[in-house]
C-alpha atoms as a PDB file:
ATOM      1  CA  UNK A   1      21.389 -40.424 -39.441  1.00  0.00           C
ATOM      2  CA  UNK A   2      17.716 -41.194 -38.993  1.00  0.00           C
ATOM      3  CA  UNK A   3      18.387 -44.941 -39.134  1.00  0.00           C
ATOM      4  CA  UNK A   4      21.062 -44.678 -36.456  1.00  0.00           C
ATOM      5  CA  UNK A   5      18.770 -42.576 -34.270  1.00  0.00           C
ATOM      6  CA  UNK A   6      15.907 -45.070 -34.588  1.00  0.00           C
ATOM      7  CA  UNK A   7      18.255 -47.984 -33.862  1.00  0.00           C
ATOM      8  CA  UNK A   8      19.495 -46.346 -30.662  1.00  0.00           C
ATOM      9  CA  UNK A   9      16.006 -45.401 -29.459  1.00  0.00           C
ATOM     10  CA  UNK A  10      14.725 -48.914 -30.170  1.00  0.00           C
ATOM     11  CA  UNK A  11      17.677 -50.287 -28.194  1.00  0.00           C
ATOM     12  CA  UNK A  12      16.420 -48.416 -25.136  1.00  0.00           C
ATOM     13  CA  UNK A  13      18.523 -45.260 -25.250  1.00  0.00           C
ATOM     14  CA  UNK A  14      16.819 -42.002 -24.378  1.00  0.00           C
ATOM     15  CA  UNK A  15      16.042 -39.628 -27.225  1.00  0.00           C
ATOM     16  CA  UNK A  16      18.538 -37.071 -25.945  1.00  0.00           C
ATOM     17  CA  UNK A  17      21.340 -39.655 -25.816  1.00  0.00           C
ATOM     18  CA  UNK A  18      20.481 -40.826 -29.334  1.00  0.00           C
ATOM     19  CA  UNK A  19      20.565 -37.258 -30.667  1.00  0.00           C
ATOM     20  CA  UNK A  20      23.954 -36.602 -29.039  1.00  0.00           C
ATOM     21  CA  UNK A  21      25.337 -39.825 -30.529  1.00  0.00           C
ATOM     22  CA  UNK A  22      24.145 -38.816 -34.001  1.00  0.00           C
ATOM     23  CA  UNK A  23      25.628 -35.338 -33.679  1.00  0.00           C
ATOM     24  CA  UNK A  24      28.963 -36.784 -32.554  1.00  0.00           C
ATOM     25  CA  UNK A  25      28.987 -39.182 -35.499  1.00  0.00           C
ATOM     26  CA  UNK A  26      28.213 -36.353 -37.907  1.00  0.00           C
ATOM     27  CA  UNK A  27      30.903 -34.173 -36.336  1.00  0.00           C
ATOM     28  CA  UNK A  28      33.462 -36.947 -36.762  1.00  0.00           C
ATOM     29  CA  UNK A  29      32.566 -37.343 -40.433  1.00  0.00           C
ATOM     30  CA  UNK A  30      32.768 -33.583 -41.031  1.00  0.00           C
ATOM     31  CA  UNK A  31      36.133 -33.342 -39.251  1.00  0.00           C
ATOM     32  CA  UNK A  32      37.559 -36.041 -41.531  1.00  0.00           C
ATOM     33  CA  UNK A  33      36.215 -34.250 -44.599  1.00  0.00           C
ATOM     34  CA  UNK A  34      37.881 -31.009 -43.515  1.00  0.00           C
ATOM     35  CA  UNK A  35      41.124 -32.744 -42.580  1.00  0.00           C
ATOM     36  CA  UNK A  36      41.389 -34.575 -45.920  1.00  0.00           C
ATOM     37  CA  UNK A  37      40.101 -31.554 -47.894  1.00  0.00           C
ATOM     38  CA  UNK A  38      37.395 -33.587 -49.605  1.00  0.00           C
ATOM     39  CA  UNK A  39      33.763 -32.970 -50.433  1.00  0.00           C
ATOM     40  CA  UNK A  40      30.728 -34.946 -49.299  1.00  0.00           C
ATOM     41  CA  UNK A  41      29.892 -37.718 -51.774  1.00  0.00           C
ATOM     42  CA  UNK A  42      26.429 -39.117 -51.146  1.00  0.00           C
ATOM     43  CA  UNK A  43      27.158 -42.175 -53.316  1.00  0.00           C
ATOM     44  CA  UNK A  44      30.022 -43.258 -51.056  1.00  0.00           C
ATOM     45  CA  UNK A  45      28.125 -42.697 -47.808  1.00  0.00           C
END
């Protein structure tokens, strides 16, 4: 998530907007994991 955050901040987004975007992305990933009943696999991410 740090790379995404840095990319957004460097693109001119405010830090708060970048943090919210990262949290939303993480929430989406977690919702899919719960829905598909799978575990986080760092090698796939």
